[in-house]
Amino acid sequence: MVRLCVATNNPGKQREFVQLLAGWGGDIVFPRDLGIDLEVDESGASFQENAVLKARAYAAASGLPSLADDSGLEVDALGGAPGVFSARYAGAGASDQDRRQKLLTALADTPIDRRSARFRCVVAISDPGGRVAVAAGTCEGRIALEPRGTHGFGYDPVFYLPEYGCTMAELRPELKNQISHRARAIQAARPLLDALLEQG
């Protein structure tokens, strides 16, 4: 059985990865399952650079092929911010609610038709030798005027999906896991994951 280390300790991401990788055929483990406590400095200038940094670090630490993602929110009216700084947008120790509030404050004078945004995710898969392959996915939407919904995490309550008439946090998790940026990145990465199974 091929074991894949999924390089996150974020409970929300862990839940999503378990669902997104259901039926893949390998064994999914998280760093804590392996006794690995690793803080990777996400110093990259792009989602891809950060995903590769994390995947290589966890593959080296675990001795297993490792999958890492880096993802975030790009808001056009803010020049693409918060981008790679999405998780750090409101400073160290800030909560999801703090980050959402800072974003809504920054867009307070921006009309709804100029609040276009996207979630972007890059997935990197590294072997213990450091060879890496990447895949990416995006989900287009706009920033709502106020938070709505109780599902999901992060910016989901303020990310409005016009075609569904609701925020990402109002979607059923099963639907989110078909259309989200992370779902699309994993779908794009599926041939890479299947190749791991073939290599045994």
C-alpha atoms as a PDB file:
ATOM      1  CA  MET A   1       0.000   0.000   0.000  1.00  0.00           C
ATOM      2  CA  VAL A   2       1.405   3.375  -1.054  1.00  0.00           C
ATOM      3  CA  ARG A   3       1.430   5.883   1.803  1.00  0.00           C
ATOM      4  CA  LEU A   4       1.065   9.583   1.040  1.00  0.00           C
ATOM      5  CA  CYS A   5       1.856  12.261   3.597  1.00  0.00           C
ATOM      6  CA  VAL A   6      -0.593  15.147   3.202  1.00  0.00           C
ATOM      7  CA  ALA A   7       1.350  18.079   4.560  1.00  0.00           C
ATOM      8  CA  THR A   8      -1.146  19.996   6.659  1.00  0.00           C
ATOM      9  CA  ASN A   9      -2.197  20.171  10.293  1.00  0.00           C
ATOM     10  CA  ASN A  10      -5.120  22.499   9.514  1.00  0.00           C
ATOM     11  CA  PRO A  11      -8.253  20.567  10.615  1.00  0.00           C
ATOM     12  CA  GLY A  12     -10.422  22.165   7.912  1.00  0.00           C
ATOM     13  CA  LYS A  13      -7.968  21.225   5.171  1.00  0.00           C
ATOM     14  CA  GLN A  14      -7.529  17.727   6.618  1.00  0.00           C
ATOM     15  CA  ARG A  15     -11.283  17.109   6.410  1.00  0.00           C
ATOM     16  CA  GLU A  16     -11.345  18.298   2.817  1.00  0.00           C
ATOM     17  CA  PHE A  17      -8.353  16.221   1.756  1.00  0.00           C
ATOM     18  CA  VAL A  18      -9.849  13.058   3.279  1.00  0.00           C
ATOM     19  CA  GLN A  19     -12.984  13.641   1.181  1.00  0.00           C
ATOM     20  CA  LEU A  20     -11.141  14.767  -1.961  1.00  0.00           C
ATOM     21  CA  LEU A  21      -8.810  11.762  -1.900  1.00  0.00           C
ATOM     22  CA  ALA A  22     -11.525   9.229  -1.046  1.00  0.00           C
ATOM     23  CA  GLY A  23     -11.302   6.250  -3.361  1.00  0.00           C
ATOM     24  CA  TRP A  24      -7.777   7.067  -4.528  1.00  0.00           C
ATOM     25  CA  GLY A  25      -6.382   3.709  -3.438  1.00  0.00           C
ATOM     26  CA  GLY A  26      -3.398   4.748  -1.317  1.00  0.00           C
ATOM     27  CA  ASP A  27      -3.092   5.330   2.413  1.00  0.00           C
ATOM     28  CA  ILE A  28      -3.323   8.979   3.498  1.00  0.00           C
ATOM     29  CA  VAL A  29      -1.432  10.080   6.604  1.00  0.00           C
ATOM     30  CA  PHE A  30      -0.952  13.490   8.168  1.00  0.00           C
ATOM     31  CA  PRO A  31       2.222  14.841   9.816  1.00  0.00           C
ATOM     32  CA  ARG A  32       0.878  14.315  13.342  1.00  0.00           C
ATOM     33  CA  ASP A  33       0.169  10.651  12.517  1.00  0.00           C
ATOM     34  CA  LEU A  34       3.893  10.318  11.828  1.00  0.00           C
ATOM     35  CA  GLY A  35       5.052  12.315  14.851  1.00  0.00           C
ATOM     36  CA  ILE A  36       6.312  15.098  12.583  1.00  0.00           C
ATOM     37  CA  ASP A  37       6.118  18.645  13.910  1.00  0.00           C
ATOM     38  CA  LEU A  38       7.487  20.844  11.175  1.00  0.00           C
ATOM     39  CA  GLU A  39       7.084  24.555  10.508  1.00  0.00           C
ATOM     40  CA  VAL A  40       8.007  25.394   6.932  1.00  0.00           C
ATOM     41  CA  ASP A  41       8.844  29.024   6.230  1.00  0.00           C
ATOM     42  CA  GLU A  42       6.463  29.930   3.406  1.00  0.00           C
ATOM     43  CA  SER A  43       8.879  32.413   1.871  1.00  0.00           C
ATOM     44  CA  GLY A  44       7.894  31.828  -1.741  1.00  0.00           C
ATOM     45  CA  ALA A  45       6.603  34.632  -3.928  1.00  0.00           C
ATOM     46  CA  SER A  46       3.834  32.459  -5.386  1.00  0.00           C
ATOM     47  CA  PHE A  47       1.439  29.700  -4.363  1.00  0.00           C
ATOM     48  CA  GLN A  48       3.488  27.246  -6.440  1.00  0.00           C
ATOM     49  CA  GLU A  49       6.771  28.144  -4.733  1.00  0.00           C
ATOM     50  CA  ASN A  50       5.233  27.728  -1.273  1.00  0.00           C
ATOM     51  CA  ALA A  51       3.559  24.422  -2.160  1.00  0.00           C
ATOM     52  CA  VAL A  52       6.860  23.047  -3.487  1.00  0.00           C
ATOM     53  CA  LEU A  53       8.745  24.200  -0.359  1.00  0.00           C
ATOM     54  CA  LYS A  54       6.256  22.398   1.883  1.00  0.00           C
ATOM     55  CA  ALA A  55       6.028  19.226  -0.201  1.00  0.00           C
ATOM     56  CA  ARG A  56       9.822  18.818  -0.341  1.00  0.00           C
ATOM     57  CA  ALA A  57      10.233  19.509   3.390  1.00  0.00           C
ATOM     58  CA  TYR A  58       7.612  16.964   4.421  1.00  0.00           C
ATOM     59  CA  ALA A  59       8.836  14.345   1.944  1.00  0.00           C
ATOM     60  CA  ALA A  60      12.352  14.674   3.363  1.00  0.00           C
ATOM     61  CA  ALA A  61      11.087  14.524   6.973  1.00  0.00           C
ATOM     62  CA  SER A  62       8.706  11.607   6.438  1.00  0.00           C
ATOM     63  CA  GLY A  63      10.568   9.547   3.846  1.00  0.00           C
ATOM     64  CA  LEU A  64       7.221   9.307   2.022  1.00  0.00           C
ATOM     65  CA  PRO A  65       5.844  10.943  -1.081  1.00  0.00           C
ATOM     66  CA  SER A  66       4.203  14.098   0.200  1.00  0.00           C
ATOM     67  CA  LEU A  67       1.434  16.342  -1.066  1.00  0.00           C
ATOM     68  CA  ALA A  68       1.258  19.987  -0.035  1.00  0.00           C
ATOM     69  CA  ASP A  69      -0.991  22.749  -1.183  1.00  0.00           C
ATOM     70  CA  ASP A  70      -0.760  26.483  -0.998  1.00  0.00           C
ATOM     71  CA  SER A  71      -3.911  28.408  -1.618  1.00  0.00           C
ATOM     72  CA  GLY A  72      -5.465  31.759  -1.084  1.00  0.00           C
ATOM     73  CA  LEU A  73      -7.805  34.480  -2.189  1.00  0.00           C
ATOM     74  CA  GLU A  74      -7.107  36.993  -4.953  1.00  0.00           C
ATOM     75  CA  VAL A  75      -9.322  40.087  -5.032  1.00  0.00           C
ATOM     76  CA  ASP A  76      -9.110  42.117  -8.237  1.00  0.00           C
ATOM     77  CA  ALA A  77     -10.061  45.442  -6.626  1.00  0.00           C
ATOM     78  CA  LEU A  78      -7.126  44.970  -4.220  1.00  0.00           C
ATOM     79  CA  GLY A  79      -4.610  44.229  -6.960  1.00  0.00           C
ATOM     80  CA  GLY A  80      -4.694  40.492  -6.267  1.00  0.00           C
ATOM     81  CA  ALA A  81      -4.327  40.804  -2.486  1.00  0.00           C
ATOM     82  CA  PRO A  82      -4.309  39.093  -0.073  1.00  0.00           C
ATOM     83  CA  GLY A  83      -2.854  36.425  -2.405  1.00  0.00           C
ATOM     84  CA  VAL A  84       0.007  34.426  -0.888  1.00  0.00           C
ATOM     85  CA  PHE A  85      -0.538  36.347   2.355  1.00  0.00           C
ATOM     86  CA  SER A  86      -4.162  35.161   2.729  1.00  0.00           C
ATOM     87  CA  ALA A  87      -3.486  33.238   5.952  1.00  0.00           C
ATOM     88  CA  ARG A  88      -1.416  36.126   7.367  1.00  0.00           C
ATOM     89  CA  TYR A  89      -3.565  38.967   6.061  1.00  0.00           C
ATOM     90  CA  ALA A  90      -4.594  40.321   9.468  1.00  0.00           C
ATOM     91  CA  GLY A  91      -1.279  39.600  11.186  1.00  0.00           C
ATOM     92  CA  ALA A  92       0.099  36.840  13.389  1.00  0.00           C
ATOM     93  CA  GLY A  93      -2.403  35.179  15.678  1.00  0.00           C
ATOM     94  CA  ALA A  94      -5.420  36.614  13.849  1.00  0.00           C
ATOM     95  CA  SER A  95      -8.547  34.479  13.517  1.00  0.00           C
ATOM     96  CA  ASP A  96     -10.472  33.641  10.340  1.00  0.00           C
ATOM     97  CA  GLN A  97     -13.028  36.205  11.479  1.00  0.00           C
ATOM     98  CA  ASP A  98     -10.309  38.875  11.853  1.00  0.00           C
ATOM     99  CA  ARG A  99      -9.112  38.233   8.304  1.00  0.00           C
ATOM    100  CA  ARG A 100     -12.627  38.349   6.879  1.00  0.00           C
ATOM    101  CA  GLN A 101     -13.341  41.604   8.689  1.00  0.00           C
ATOM    102  CA  LYS A 102     -10.146  43.231   7.421  1.00  0.00           C
ATOM    103  CA  LEU A 103     -11.084  42.211   3.876  1.00  0.00           C
ATOM    104  CA  LEU A 104     -14.632  43.582   4.161  1.00  0.00           C
ATOM    105  CA  THR A 105     -13.286  46.833   5.606  1.00  0.00           C
ATOM    106  CA  ALA A 106     -10.804  47.164   2.724  1.00  0.00           C
ATOM    107  CA  LEU A 107     -13.696  46.735   0.253  1.00  0.00           C
ATOM    108  CA  ALA A 108     -16.223  48.884   2.134  1.00  0.00           C
ATOM    109  CA  ASP A 109     -16.447  51.457  -0.703  1.00  0.00           C
ATOM    110  CA  THR A 110     -16.270  48.919  -3.533  1.00  0.00           C
ATOM    111  CA  PRO A 111     -19.609  48.158  -5.254  1.00  0.00           C
ATOM    112  CA  ILE A 112     -20.666  44.523  -5.583  1.00  0.00           C
ATOM    113  CA  ASP A 113     -20.045  44.433  -9.347  1.00  0.00           C
ATOM    114  CA  ARG A 114     -16.382  45.355  -8.776  1.00  0.00           C
ATOM    115  CA  ARG A 115     -15.705  42.709  -6.130  1.00  0.00           C
ATOM    116  CA  SER A 116     -14.563  39.937  -8.479  1.00  0.00           C
ATOM    117  CA  ALA A 117     -12.225  37.451  -6.840  1.00  0.00           C
ATOM    118  CA  ARG A 118     -10.955  33.911  -7.053  1.00  0.00           C
ATOM    119  CA  PHE A 119      -9.675  31.207  -4.817  1.00  0.00           C
ATOM    120  CA  ARG A 120      -6.465  29.722  -6.220  1.00  0.00           C
ATOM    121  CA  CYS A 121      -4.816  26.470  -5.135  1.00  0.00           C
ATOM    122  CA  VAL A 122      -1.555  24.852  -6.218  1.00  0.00           C
ATOM    123  CA  VAL A 123      -0.824  21.266  -5.201  1.00  0.00           C
ATOM    124  CA  ALA A 124       2.753  19.973  -5.188  1.00  0.00           C
ATOM    125  CA  ILE A 125       3.697  16.297  -4.859  1.00  0.00           C
ATOM    126  CA  SER A 126       7.296  15.520  -3.936  1.00  0.00           C
ATOM    127  CA  ASP A 127       9.134  12.242  -3.575  1.00  0.00           C
ATOM    128  CA  PRO A 128      11.730  11.906  -0.777  1.00  0.00           C
ATOM    129  CA  GLY A 129      14.454  12.656  -3.324  1.00  0.00           C
ATOM    130  CA  GLY A 130      12.984  16.090  -3.984  1.00  0.00           C
ATOM    131  CA  ARG A 131      11.455  15.529  -7.413  1.00  0.00           C
ATOM    132  CA  VAL A 132       8.246  17.557  -7.621  1.00  0.00           C
ATOM    133  CA  ALA A 133       5.191  17.749  -9.857  1.00  0.00           C
ATOM    134  CA  VAL A 134       2.490  20.408  -9.547  1.00  0.00           C
ATOM    135  CA  ALA A 135      -1.151  20.945 -10.472  1.00  0.00           C
ATOM    136  CA  ALA A 136      -3.456  23.912  -9.955  1.00  0.00           C
ATOM    137  CA  GLY A 137      -7.115  24.867  -9.704  1.00  0.00           C
ATOM    138  CA  THR A 138      -9.162  28.057  -9.390  1.00  0.00           C
ATOM    139  CA  CYS A 139     -12.705  28.971  -8.427  1.00  0.00           C
ATOM    140  CA  GLU A 140     -14.152  32.310  -9.572  1.00  0.00           C
ATOM    141  CA  GLY A 141     -16.588  34.400  -7.545  1.00  0.00           C
ATOM    142  CA  ARG A 142     -16.894  37.741  -5.798  1.00  0.00           C
ATOM    143  CA  ILE A 143     -16.632  39.075  -2.270  1.00  0.00           C
ATOM    144  CA  ALA A 144     -19.990  39.336  -0.507  1.00  0.00           C
ATOM    145  CA  LEU A 145     -21.056  42.395   1.484  1.00  0.00           C
ATOM    146  CA  GLU A 146     -21.206  40.366   4.702  1.00  0.00           C
ATOM    147  CA  PRO A 147     -20.360  36.838   5.895  1.00  0.00           C
ATOM    148  CA  ARG A 148     -22.974  34.124   5.370  1.00  0.00           C
ATOM    149  CA  GLY A 149     -22.996  30.398   6.051  1.00  0.00           C
ATOM    150  CA  THR A 150     -21.542  28.012   8.592  1.00  0.00           C
ATOM    151  CA  HIS A 151     -19.741  25.426   6.442  1.00  0.00           C
ATOM    152  CA  GLY A 152     -16.119  25.595   5.398  1.00  0.00           C
ATOM    153  CA  PHE A 153     -13.440  27.793   6.925  1.00  0.00           C
ATOM    154  CA  GLY A 154     -11.212  30.764   6.141  1.00  0.00           C
ATOM    155  CA  TYR A 155     -12.751  33.180   3.635  1.00  0.00           C
ATOM    156  CA  ASP A 156     -15.582  30.800   2.628  1.00  0.00           C
ATOM    157  CA  PRO A 157     -18.350  32.873   4.334  1.00  0.00           C
ATOM    158  CA  VAL A 158     -17.508  35.988   2.257  1.00  0.00           C
ATOM    159  CA  PHE A 159     -16.812  34.248  -1.077  1.00  0.00           C
ATOM    160  CA  TYR A 160     -20.000  34.527  -3.127  1.00  0.00           C
ATOM    161  CA  LEU A 161     -20.677  32.191  -6.056  1.00  0.00           C
ATOM    162  CA  PRO A 162     -23.109  33.922  -8.459  1.00  0.00           C
ATOM    163  CA  GLU A 163     -24.040  30.701 -10.287  1.00  0.00           C
ATOM    164  CA  TYR A 164     -25.142  29.101  -7.004  1.00  0.00           C
ATOM    165  CA  GLY A 165     -26.608  32.246  -5.415  1.00  0.00           C
ATOM    166  CA  CYS A 166     -24.775  31.655  -2.139  1.00  0.00           C
ATOM    167  CA  THR A 167     -21.403  31.851  -0.442  1.00  0.00           C
ATOM    168  CA  MET A 168     -18.935  28.975  -0.340  1.00  0.00           C
ATOM    169  CA  ALA A 169     -19.842  28.545   3.353  1.00  0.00           C
ATOM    170  CA  GLU A 170     -23.507  28.004   2.434  1.00  0.00           C
ATOM    171  CA  LEU A 171     -22.747  25.154   0.027  1.00  0.00           C
ATOM    172  CA  ARG A 172     -23.178  21.567   1.118  1.00  0.00           C
ATOM    173  CA  PRO A 173     -19.673  20.170   1.748  1.00  0.00           C
ATOM    174  CA  GLU A 174     -20.208  17.514  -0.936  1.00  0.00           C
ATOM    175  CA  LEU A 175     -20.845  20.218  -3.536  1.00  0.00           C
ATOM    176  CA  LYS A 176     -17.966  22.388  -2.338  1.00  0.00           C
ATOM    177  CA  ASN A 177     -15.674  19.394  -2.741  1.00  0.00           C
ATOM    178  CA  GLN A 178     -16.639  19.195  -6.414  1.00  0.00           C
ATOM    179  CA  ILE A 179     -16.205  22.848  -7.395  1.00  0.00           C
ATOM    180  CA  SER A 180     -13.685  24.428  -5.010  1.00  0.00           C
ATOM    181  CA  HIS A 181     -10.196  25.524  -6.040  1.00  0.00           C
ATOM    182  CA  ARG A 182      -8.744  22.704  -3.917  1.00  0.00           C
ATOM    183  CA  ALA A 183     -11.076  20.146  -5.502  1.00  0.00           C
ATOM    184  CA  ARG A 184     -10.055  21.287  -8.980  1.00  0.00           C
ATOM    185  CA  ALA A 185      -6.349  21.169  -8.083  1.00  0.00           C
ATOM    186  CA  ILE A 186      -6.716  17.618  -6.751  1.00  0.00           C
ATOM    187  CA  GLN A 187      -8.655  16.632  -9.884  1.00  0.00           C
ATOM    188  CA  ALA A 188      -5.786  18.019 -11.976  1.00  0.00           C
ATOM    189  CA  ALA A 189      -3.278  16.155  -9.771  1.00  0.00           C
ATOM    190  CA  ARG A 190      -5.091  12.821 -10.055  1.00  0.00           C
ATOM    191  CA  PRO A 191      -2.823  11.454 -12.828  1.00  0.00           C
ATOM    192  CA  LEU A 192       0.200  12.256 -10.629  1.00  0.00           C
ATOM    193  CA  LEU A 193      -1.386  10.446  -7.687  1.00  0.00           C
ATOM    194  CA  ASP A 194      -2.325   7.469  -9.851  1.00  0.00           C
ATOM    195  CA  ALA A 195       1.298   7.296 -11.056  1.00  0.00           C
ATOM    196  CA  LEU A 196       2.380   6.894  -7.419  1.00  0.00           C
ATOM    197  CA  LEU A 197       0.111   3.850  -7.126  1.00  0.00           C
ATOM    198  CA  GLU A 198       1.625   2.336 -10.278  1.00  0.00           C
ATOM    199  CA  GLN A 199       5.139   2.843  -8.913  1.00  0.00           C
ATOM    200  CA  GLY A 200       4.056   0.986  -5.755  1.00  0.00           C
END
